[in-house]
Each structure stands twice: as C-alpha cells, then as structure tokens.
Amino acid sequence: MAARTTRQATRATLEQDAPEETPLARRLIEARWDGHVEQVLAALHTEAERLGPPQDSDGPEHPRRVLANNVGYFQTQRAHLDYPTYRRKGWPIGSGVTASAVKQFNKRVQGTEQFWSLPGVEAILALRALWLSQDQRWERYWNSRPGYAKAA
C-alpha cells in the first residue's frame, strides 16, 4: 500500500501524465524503504502547500485530493512504516502475504460445491489453526476428545 501510495501522490501532484515512475517518486520510495518517513512526509507537505487544499469541485483523482489523502495516510501510519526494522526481523513487507492467504482461504473454504454455515466454517478454521500451529496443539486437542485420543 505505501509504495503505491507514494507513487500515486507523486504522480498525481507533479507528473500527472507520467507513464512510469519519476525521479521524485523513486527518491520518495527509496526514502520510505530506508525508513525516512519524515522525509517523505516533508516532501508531500511541500507539494500540498504548493497546490493548496482540496476544493469541493475536485474529483477523487484530482491531484490535490490524492495528495491530501496520502499525506493523511503517511501521518497516521508513520509508526507502521519502519521497513528497515521489519526487514531485519524477516517480516514481510507489503500485502502479498495477506493476499496469498486470502486466496488460499477462498480456495479451501469457498471451493465449488462447498456451502458452509458460519459455525461450520469457524470450526474448520479453528482446526486448521491448530494444525498449522506446529506446537502440539493439534495432538492436545484430539487427545482431550473422548473417542479420539487413540486415533490421534
């Protein structure tokens, strides 16, 4: 989200018709990647001041509105944009991991000819979480169920 946000804000405010990333967009993306969110915010604030506040007549894609939205995003999310720390910890950056999990969930739970009640899908997801935990929860669960202790 943040990478797209930086590109959108830059393109919308400075080079509206640019078909690819501009030098400023690349600098802002690199600054954000390196953990310099305040530097990104300063550049976005400078552009916001240059263009002025969004007007009532501005549509959702108007540069002033896109820029104002992105300044707001970076201000509220700055504590969550510490990419250098996340990379050191091996944490995923971006929405790819989440999108993949949603796709896998949909494939397994919303497959063709599968109709789940809310309690049924919650039970299946709870069991799946037990299995994926890999810390003996699966075995403890089944060993605590009468009639299943021997099967587990």
N, C-alpha and C. Protein backbone atom coordinates (compact mmCIF):
# COMPACT_ATOMS: atom_id res chain seq x y z
N MET A 1 0.82 -1.19 0.00
CA MET A 1 0.00 0.00 0.00
C MET A 1 0.87 1.25 0.00
N ALA A 2 1.87 1.30 0.85
CA ALA A 2 2.67 2.52 0.96
C ALA A 2 3.43 2.82 -0.32
N ALA A 3 3.95 1.79 -0.99
CA ALA A 3 4.68 2.03 -2.25
C ALA A 3 3.74 2.61 -3.29
N ARG A 4 2.57 2.03 -3.41
CA ARG A 4 1.60 2.54 -4.36
C ARG A 4 1.19 3.95 -3.96
N THR A 5 1.03 4.18 -2.68
CA THR A 5 0.63 5.48 -2.19
C THR A 5 1.67 6.54 -2.54
N THR A 6 2.94 6.23 -2.37
CA THR A 6 3.99 7.18 -2.70
C THR A 6 3.97 7.49 -4.19
N ARG A 7 3.84 6.45 -5.02
CA ARG A 7 3.79 6.67 -6.47
C ARG A 7 2.57 7.51 -6.85
N GLN A 8 1.42 7.17 -6.28
CA GLN A 8 0.19 7.91 -6.60
C GLN A 8 0.33 9.37 -6.22
N ALA A 9 0.81 9.63 -5.03
CA ALA A 9 0.92 11.02 -4.58
C ALA A 9 1.87 11.80 -5.47
N THR A 10 2.99 11.19 -5.80
CA THR A 10 3.98 11.89 -6.63
C THR A 10 3.45 12.12 -8.03
N ARG A 11 2.92 11.08 -8.62
CA ARG A 11 2.42 11.19 -9.99
C ARG A 11 1.25 12.18 -10.05
N ALA A 12 0.37 12.09 -9.07
CA ALA A 12 -0.81 12.95 -9.09
C ALA A 12 -0.47 14.41 -8.91
N THR A 13 0.60 14.68 -8.17
CA THR A 13 0.89 16.08 -7.87
C THR A 13 1.91 16.70 -8.80
N LEU A 14 2.86 15.91 -9.28
CA LEU A 14 3.95 16.51 -10.03
C LEU A 14 3.96 16.17 -11.50
N GLU A 15 3.81 14.93 -11.81
CA GLU A 15 3.91 14.49 -13.21
C GLU A 15 2.67 13.68 -13.54
N GLN A 16 1.55 14.35 -13.66
CA GLN A 16 0.26 13.69 -13.77
C GLN A 16 0.16 12.73 -14.95
N ASP A 17 0.84 13.01 -16.01
CA ASP A 17 0.72 12.17 -17.20
C ASP A 17 1.91 11.23 -17.38
N ALA A 18 2.78 11.14 -16.37
CA ALA A 18 3.98 10.31 -16.50
C ALA A 18 3.59 8.84 -16.55
N PRO A 19 4.02 8.12 -17.59
CA PRO A 19 3.65 6.71 -17.72
C PRO A 19 4.43 5.80 -16.79
N GLU A 20 5.56 6.27 -16.26
CA GLU A 20 6.33 5.44 -15.35
C GLU A 20 6.81 6.28 -14.19
N GLU A 21 7.47 5.64 -13.24
CA GLU A 21 7.95 6.35 -12.07
C GLU A 21 8.87 7.48 -12.46
N THR A 22 8.73 8.57 -11.73
CA THR A 22 9.56 9.74 -11.96
C THR A 22 10.75 9.72 -11.00
N PRO A 23 11.75 10.54 -11.24
CA PRO A 23 12.87 10.59 -10.29
C PRO A 23 12.43 10.92 -8.87
N LEU A 24 11.47 11.84 -8.72
CA LEU A 24 11.00 12.18 -7.38
C LEU A 24 10.30 10.98 -6.74
N ALA A 25 9.48 10.30 -7.50
CA ALA A 25 8.79 9.12 -6.96
C ALA A 25 9.80 8.10 -6.49
N ARG A 26 10.82 7.86 -7.29
CA ARG A 26 11.87 6.90 -6.90
C ARG A 26 12.57 7.35 -5.62
N ARG A 27 12.87 8.65 -5.51
CA ARG A 27 13.55 9.15 -4.31
C ARG A 27 12.66 8.97 -3.07
N LEU A 28 11.37 9.26 -3.23
CA LEU A 28 10.46 9.12 -2.08
C LEU A 28 10.29 7.66 -1.70
N ILE A 29 10.20 6.79 -2.69
CA ILE A 29 10.06 5.35 -2.41
C ILE A 29 11.33 4.84 -1.72
N GLU A 30 12.49 5.27 -2.18
CA GLU A 30 13.75 4.86 -1.55
C GLU A 30 13.84 5.41 -0.12
N ALA A 31 13.42 6.65 0.06
CA ALA A 31 13.45 7.24 1.41
C ALA A 31 12.54 6.47 2.35
N ARG A 32 11.37 6.12 1.89
CA ARG A 32 10.44 5.34 2.72
C ARG A 32 11.03 3.96 3.02
N TRP A 33 11.59 3.30 2.01
CA TRP A 33 12.20 1.98 2.17
C TRP A 33 13.34 2.01 3.18
N ASP A 34 14.09 3.13 3.18
CA ASP A 34 15.22 3.27 4.10
C ASP A 34 14.78 3.76 5.48
N GLY A 35 13.49 3.95 5.68
CA GLY A 35 12.98 4.34 6.99
C GLY A 35 12.88 5.83 7.22
N HIS A 36 13.00 6.63 6.16
CA HIS A 36 12.96 8.09 6.28
C HIS A 36 11.55 8.60 5.98
N VAL A 37 10.59 8.15 6.76
CA VAL A 37 9.19 8.53 6.52
C VAL A 37 8.99 10.02 6.71
N GLU A 38 9.71 10.62 7.66
CA GLU A 38 9.58 12.06 7.88
C GLU A 38 10.02 12.85 6.64
N GLN A 39 11.03 12.35 5.95
CA GLN A 39 11.50 12.99 4.72
C GLN A 39 10.40 12.91 3.64
N VAL A 40 9.74 11.76 3.55
CA VAL A 40 8.64 11.60 2.59
C VAL A 40 7.51 12.55 2.95
N LEU A 41 7.16 12.59 4.22
CA LEU A 41 6.09 13.50 4.66
C LEU A 41 6.43 14.95 4.37
N ALA A 42 7.67 15.34 4.59
CA ALA A 42 8.07 16.72 4.33
C ALA A 42 7.89 17.07 2.85
N ALA A 43 8.30 16.16 1.97
CA ALA A 43 8.14 16.41 0.53
C ALA A 43 6.67 16.48 0.15
N LEU A 44 5.86 15.59 0.71
CA LEU A 44 4.43 15.62 0.40
C LEU A 44 3.78 16.89 0.94
N HIS A 45 4.18 17.32 2.14
CA HIS A 45 3.66 18.57 2.71
C HIS A 45 4.03 19.76 1.83
N THR A 46 5.25 19.79 1.33
CA THR A 46 5.68 20.87 0.45
C THR A 46 4.79 20.96 -0.78
N GLU A 47 4.52 19.80 -1.38
CA GLU A 47 3.65 19.78 -2.56
C GLU A 47 2.23 20.16 -2.20
N ALA A 48 1.75 19.72 -1.04
CA ALA A 48 0.40 20.08 -0.61
C ALA A 48 0.26 21.58 -0.44
N GLU A 49 1.28 22.20 0.14
CA GLU A 49 1.26 23.66 0.29
C GLU A 49 1.28 24.35 -1.06
N ARG A 50 2.04 23.82 -1.99
CA ARG A 50 2.14 24.41 -3.32
C ARG A 50 0.79 24.35 -4.05
N LEU A 51 0.09 23.22 -3.93
CA LEU A 51 -1.18 23.05 -4.64
C LEU A 51 -2.37 23.62 -3.88
N GLY A 52 -2.25 23.73 -2.58
CA GLY A 52 -3.36 24.20 -1.76
C GLY A 52 -4.28 23.05 -1.37
N PRO A 53 -5.25 23.34 -0.51
CA PRO A 53 -6.14 22.28 -0.02
C PRO A 53 -7.11 21.83 -1.11
N PRO A 54 -7.64 20.61 -0.98
CA PRO A 54 -8.63 20.14 -1.96
C PRO A 54 -9.85 21.07 -1.98
N GLN A 55 -10.39 21.25 -3.17
CA GLN A 55 -11.58 22.08 -3.34
C GLN A 55 -12.80 21.17 -3.45
N ASP A 56 -13.97 21.71 -3.14
CA ASP A 56 -15.20 20.93 -3.25
C ASP A 56 -15.40 20.38 -4.66
N SER A 57 -14.92 21.11 -5.65
CA SER A 57 -15.11 20.70 -7.04
C SER A 57 -14.08 19.65 -7.49
N ASP A 58 -13.06 19.37 -6.67
CA ASP A 58 -12.05 18.37 -7.03
C ASP A 58 -12.64 16.97 -6.96
N GLY A 59 -12.44 16.21 -8.01
CA GLY A 59 -12.87 14.81 -8.01
C GLY A 59 -11.92 13.96 -7.19
N PRO A 60 -12.24 12.68 -7.02
CA PRO A 60 -11.40 11.80 -6.18
C PRO A 60 -9.99 11.60 -6.71
N GLU A 61 -9.76 11.78 -8.02
CA GLU A 61 -8.44 11.59 -8.60
C GLU A 61 -7.69 12.90 -8.82
N HIS A 62 -8.29 13.99 -8.40
CA HIS A 62 -7.63 15.29 -8.56
C HIS A 62 -6.35 15.30 -7.72
N PRO A 63 -5.28 15.87 -8.25
CA PRO A 63 -4.00 15.87 -7.53
C PRO A 63 -4.08 16.40 -6.11
N ARG A 64 -4.87 17.46 -5.87
CA ARG A 64 -4.95 18.00 -4.51
C ARG A 64 -5.58 16.99 -3.56
N ARG A 65 -6.61 16.29 -4.03
CA ARG A 65 -7.30 15.32 -3.17
C ARG A 65 -6.44 14.08 -2.93
N VAL A 66 -5.80 13.59 -4.00
CA VAL A 66 -4.92 12.42 -3.85
C VAL A 66 -3.79 12.75 -2.90
N LEU A 67 -3.20 13.90 -3.05
CA LEU A 67 -2.10 14.31 -2.19
C LEU A 67 -2.57 14.44 -0.75
N ALA A 68 -3.69 15.09 -0.51
CA ALA A 68 -4.20 15.24 0.86
C ALA A 68 -4.46 13.88 1.50
N ASN A 69 -5.04 12.96 0.73
CA ASN A 69 -5.29 11.61 1.26
C ASN A 69 -3.99 10.91 1.62
N ASN A 70 -2.98 11.07 0.77
CA ASN A 70 -1.71 10.39 1.01
C ASN A 70 -0.92 11.03 2.16
N VAL A 71 -1.01 12.33 2.29
CA VAL A 71 -0.39 12.98 3.45
C VAL A 71 -1.03 12.43 4.72
N GLY A 72 -2.35 12.33 4.72
CA GLY A 72 -3.05 11.77 5.87
C GLY A 72 -2.65 10.33 6.15
N TYR A 73 -2.49 9.54 5.09
CA TYR A 73 -2.08 8.14 5.25
C TYR A 73 -0.71 8.05 5.92
N PHE A 74 0.26 8.80 5.40
CA PHE A 74 1.60 8.73 5.95
C PHE A 74 1.66 9.28 7.37
N GLN A 75 0.85 10.28 7.68
CA GLN A 75 0.83 10.81 9.04
C GLN A 75 0.29 9.77 10.03
N THR A 76 -0.80 9.13 9.66
CA THR A 76 -1.41 8.17 10.59
C THR A 76 -0.68 6.84 10.64
N GLN A 77 0.02 6.48 9.57
CA GLN A 77 0.69 5.17 9.50
C GLN A 77 2.18 5.23 9.75
N ARG A 78 2.74 6.39 10.04
CA ARG A 78 4.20 6.52 10.13
C ARG A 78 4.82 5.53 11.11
N ALA A 79 4.14 5.20 12.19
CA ALA A 79 4.68 4.25 13.16
C ALA A 79 4.73 2.83 12.60
N HIS A 80 3.98 2.59 11.54
CA HIS A 80 3.92 1.24 10.95
C HIS A 80 4.76 1.14 9.68
N LEU A 81 5.59 2.12 9.40
CA LEU A 81 6.37 2.13 8.18
C LEU A 81 7.86 2.02 8.45
N ASP A 82 8.21 1.32 9.51
CA ASP A 82 9.62 1.14 9.89
C ASP A 82 10.19 -0.06 9.13
N TYR A 83 10.31 0.09 7.82
CA TYR A 83 10.73 -1.02 6.97
C TYR A 83 12.11 -1.58 7.29
N PRO A 84 13.10 -0.75 7.65
CA PRO A 84 14.40 -1.34 7.99
C PRO A 84 14.30 -2.34 9.16
N THR A 85 13.54 -2.00 10.19
CA THR A 85 13.36 -2.91 11.32
C THR A 85 12.63 -4.17 10.88
N TYR A 86 11.59 -4.01 10.08
CA TYR A 86 10.81 -5.16 9.62
C TYR A 86 11.69 -6.10 8.79
N ARG A 87 12.53 -5.53 7.94
CA ARG A 87 13.41 -6.38 7.12
C ARG A 87 14.42 -7.12 8.00
N ARG A 88 14.98 -6.42 9.01
CA ARG A 88 15.93 -7.08 9.92
C ARG A 88 15.28 -8.25 10.65
N LYS A 89 14.01 -8.11 10.98
CA LYS A 89 13.29 -9.17 11.69
C LYS A 89 12.76 -10.25 10.74
N GLY A 90 12.91 -10.03 9.44
CA GLY A 90 12.44 -11.01 8.47
C GLY A 90 10.94 -10.97 8.25
N TRP A 91 10.30 -9.87 8.63
CA TRP A 91 8.86 -9.74 8.47
C TRP A 91 8.53 -9.38 7.03
N PRO A 92 7.40 -9.85 6.53
CA PRO A 92 7.01 -9.47 5.17
C PRO A 92 6.62 -8.00 5.10
N ILE A 93 6.94 -7.39 3.99
CA ILE A 93 6.56 -6.00 3.75
C ILE A 93 5.64 -6.01 2.54
N GLY A 94 4.50 -5.40 2.68
CA GLY A 94 3.54 -5.37 1.59
C GLY A 94 2.38 -6.29 1.88
N SER A 95 1.47 -6.30 0.96
CA SER A 95 0.24 -7.05 1.16
C SER A 95 0.25 -8.41 0.48
N GLY A 96 1.36 -8.79 -0.14
CA GLY A 96 1.41 -10.05 -0.88
C GLY A 96 1.12 -11.27 -0.02
N VAL A 97 1.67 -11.31 1.21
CA VAL A 97 1.44 -12.45 2.09
C VAL A 97 -0.03 -12.55 2.46
N THR A 98 -0.63 -11.41 2.78
CA THR A 98 -2.05 -11.40 3.14
C THR A 98 -2.91 -11.79 1.95
N ALA A 99 -2.62 -11.24 0.78
CA ALA A 99 -3.40 -11.57 -0.41
C ALA A 99 -3.30 -13.06 -0.72
N SER A 100 -2.13 -13.63 -0.54
CA SER A 100 -1.95 -15.06 -0.77
C SER A 100 -2.77 -15.88 0.22
N ALA A 101 -2.77 -15.46 1.48
CA ALA A 101 -3.55 -16.18 2.50
C ALA A 101 -5.04 -16.11 2.20
N VAL A 102 -5.52 -14.96 1.76
CA VAL A 102 -6.93 -14.82 1.41
C VAL A 102 -7.27 -15.73 0.23
N LYS A 103 -6.39 -15.76 -0.75
CA LYS A 103 -6.62 -16.62 -1.91
C LYS A 103 -6.67 -18.09 -1.49
N GLN A 104 -5.75 -18.49 -0.63
CA GLN A 104 -5.73 -19.87 -0.16
C GLN A 104 -6.98 -20.17 0.67
N PHE A 105 -7.38 -19.25 1.52
CA PHE A 105 -8.60 -19.41 2.31
C PHE A 105 -9.80 -19.61 1.38
N ASN A 106 -9.94 -18.72 0.41
CA ASN A 106 -11.06 -18.82 -0.52
C ASN A 106 -11.06 -20.14 -1.27
N LYS A 107 -9.90 -20.59 -1.66
CA LYS A 107 -9.80 -21.84 -2.40
C LYS A 107 -10.25 -23.03 -1.54
N ARG A 108 -9.86 -23.02 -0.27
CA ARG A 108 -10.16 -24.14 0.61
C ARG A 108 -11.56 -24.09 1.20
N VAL A 109 -12.03 -22.90 1.50
CA VAL A 109 -13.31 -22.78 2.19
C VAL A 109 -14.46 -22.47 1.25
N GLN A 110 -14.17 -21.75 0.20
CA GLN A 110 -15.23 -21.35 -0.72
C GLN A 110 -15.13 -22.09 -2.04
N GLY A 111 -14.61 -23.30 -2.00
CA GLY A 111 -14.49 -24.08 -3.22
C GLY A 111 -15.86 -24.39 -3.82
N THR A 112 -15.83 -24.92 -5.02
CA THR A 112 -17.09 -25.24 -5.68
C THR A 112 -17.84 -26.32 -4.90
N GLU A 113 -19.11 -26.20 -4.89
CA GLU A 113 -20.00 -27.15 -4.22
C GLU A 113 -19.74 -27.26 -2.73
N GLN A 114 -19.17 -26.23 -2.13
CA GLN A 114 -18.97 -26.21 -0.69
C GLN A 114 -19.82 -25.07 -0.12
N PHE A 115 -20.69 -25.45 0.78
CA PHE A 115 -21.58 -24.48 1.40
C PHE A 115 -21.41 -24.60 2.91
N TRP A 116 -20.97 -23.53 3.53
CA TRP A 116 -20.65 -23.56 4.94
C TRP A 116 -21.59 -22.66 5.73
N SER A 117 -21.98 -23.15 6.88
CA SER A 117 -22.65 -22.27 7.83
C SER A 117 -21.55 -21.52 8.58
N LEU A 118 -21.88 -20.43 9.21
CA LEU A 118 -20.88 -19.68 9.96
C LEU A 118 -20.25 -20.53 11.06
N PRO A 119 -21.04 -21.27 11.87
CA PRO A 119 -20.40 -22.13 12.88
C PRO A 119 -19.51 -23.21 12.24
N GLY A 120 -19.92 -23.75 11.10
CA GLY A 120 -19.13 -24.79 10.44
C GLY A 120 -17.79 -24.27 9.95
N VAL A 121 -17.81 -23.11 9.31
CA VAL A 121 -16.55 -22.56 8.79
C VAL A 121 -15.64 -22.13 9.94
N GLU A 122 -16.22 -21.61 11.02
CA GLU A 122 -15.40 -21.23 12.18
C GLU A 122 -14.74 -22.46 12.79
N ALA A 123 -15.45 -23.58 12.85
CA ALA A 123 -14.88 -24.81 13.40
C ALA A 123 -13.73 -25.30 12.51
N ILE A 124 -13.93 -25.27 11.20
CA ILE A 124 -12.89 -25.72 10.27
C ILE A 124 -11.65 -24.83 10.39
N LEU A 125 -11.88 -23.51 10.46
CA LEU A 125 -10.73 -22.60 10.57
C LEU A 125 -10.00 -22.79 11.89
N ALA A 126 -10.73 -23.06 12.97
CA ALA A 126 -10.08 -23.31 14.26
C ALA A 126 -9.23 -24.57 14.18
N LEU A 127 -9.75 -25.62 13.57
CA LEU A 127 -8.97 -26.85 13.41
C LEU A 127 -7.74 -26.62 12.54
N ARG A 128 -7.91 -25.87 11.48
CA ARG A 128 -6.79 -25.57 10.59
C ARG A 128 -5.70 -24.81 11.35
N ALA A 129 -6.11 -23.86 12.20
CA ALA A 129 -5.14 -23.10 13.00
C ALA A 129 -4.40 -24.03 13.96
N LEU A 130 -5.13 -24.98 14.56
CA LEU A 130 -4.47 -25.95 15.44
C LEU A 130 -3.41 -26.73 14.68
N TRP A 131 -3.75 -27.17 13.50
CA TRP A 131 -2.83 -27.96 12.69
C TRP A 131 -1.59 -27.15 12.30
N LEU A 132 -1.81 -25.91 11.90
CA LEU A 132 -0.70 -25.08 11.44
C LEU A 132 0.19 -24.58 12.58
N SER A 133 -0.30 -24.61 13.81
CA SER A 133 0.48 -24.09 14.95
C SER A 133 1.79 -24.85 15.16
N GLN A 134 1.82 -26.11 14.84
CA GLN A 134 3.03 -26.94 14.96
C GLN A 134 3.65 -26.89 16.35
N ASP A 135 2.80 -26.80 17.37
CA ASP A 135 3.32 -26.78 18.75
C ASP A 135 2.54 -27.76 19.63
N GLN A 136 2.09 -28.83 19.04
CA GLN A 136 1.39 -29.91 19.72
C GLN A 136 -0.06 -29.58 20.08
N ARG A 137 -0.56 -28.42 19.65
CA ARG A 137 -1.96 -28.09 19.94
C ARG A 137 -2.90 -29.09 19.28
N TRP A 138 -2.60 -29.50 18.06
CA TRP A 138 -3.44 -30.45 17.33
C TRP A 138 -3.57 -31.74 18.14
N GLU A 139 -2.44 -32.26 18.58
CA GLU A 139 -2.45 -33.50 19.35
C GLU A 139 -3.18 -33.32 20.68
N ARG A 140 -2.91 -32.21 21.38
CA ARG A 140 -3.59 -31.97 22.65
C ARG A 140 -5.09 -31.87 22.46
N TYR A 141 -5.52 -31.21 21.39
CA TYR A 141 -6.95 -31.08 21.13
C TYR A 141 -7.58 -32.46 20.96
N TRP A 142 -7.01 -33.27 20.08
CA TRP A 142 -7.62 -34.56 19.80
C TRP A 142 -7.48 -35.52 20.98
N ASN A 143 -6.41 -35.41 21.74
CA ASN A 143 -6.24 -36.27 22.91
C ASN A 143 -7.23 -35.90 24.02
N SER A 144 -7.75 -34.70 23.99
CA SER A 144 -8.73 -34.29 25.00
C SER A 144 -10.16 -34.64 24.60
N ARG A 145 -10.36 -35.20 23.41
CA ARG A 145 -11.71 -35.53 22.93
C ARG A 145 -11.98 -37.01 23.19
N PRO A 146 -13.04 -37.33 23.93
CA PRO A 146 -13.36 -38.75 24.15
C PRO A 146 -13.59 -39.46 22.83
N GLY A 147 -13.02 -40.61 22.71
CA GLY A 147 -13.19 -41.40 21.49
C GLY A 147 -12.16 -41.13 20.42
N TYR A 148 -11.41 -40.05 20.55
CA TYR A 148 -10.41 -39.69 19.54
C TYR A 148 -9.00 -39.83 20.05
N ALA A 149 -8.82 -39.98 21.33
CA ALA A 149 -7.48 -39.99 21.93
C ALA A 149 -6.58 -41.03 21.28
N LYS A 150 -7.11 -42.19 20.97
CA LYS A 150 -6.29 -43.25 20.39
C LYS A 150 -5.99 -43.00 18.92
N ALA A 151 -6.89 -42.33 18.23
CA ALA A 151 -6.72 -42.08 16.81
C ALA A 151 -5.66 -41.03 16.53
N ALA A 152 -5.50 -40.08 17.43
CA ALA A 152 -4.54 -39.00 17.21
C ALA A 152 -3.15 -39.54 17.40
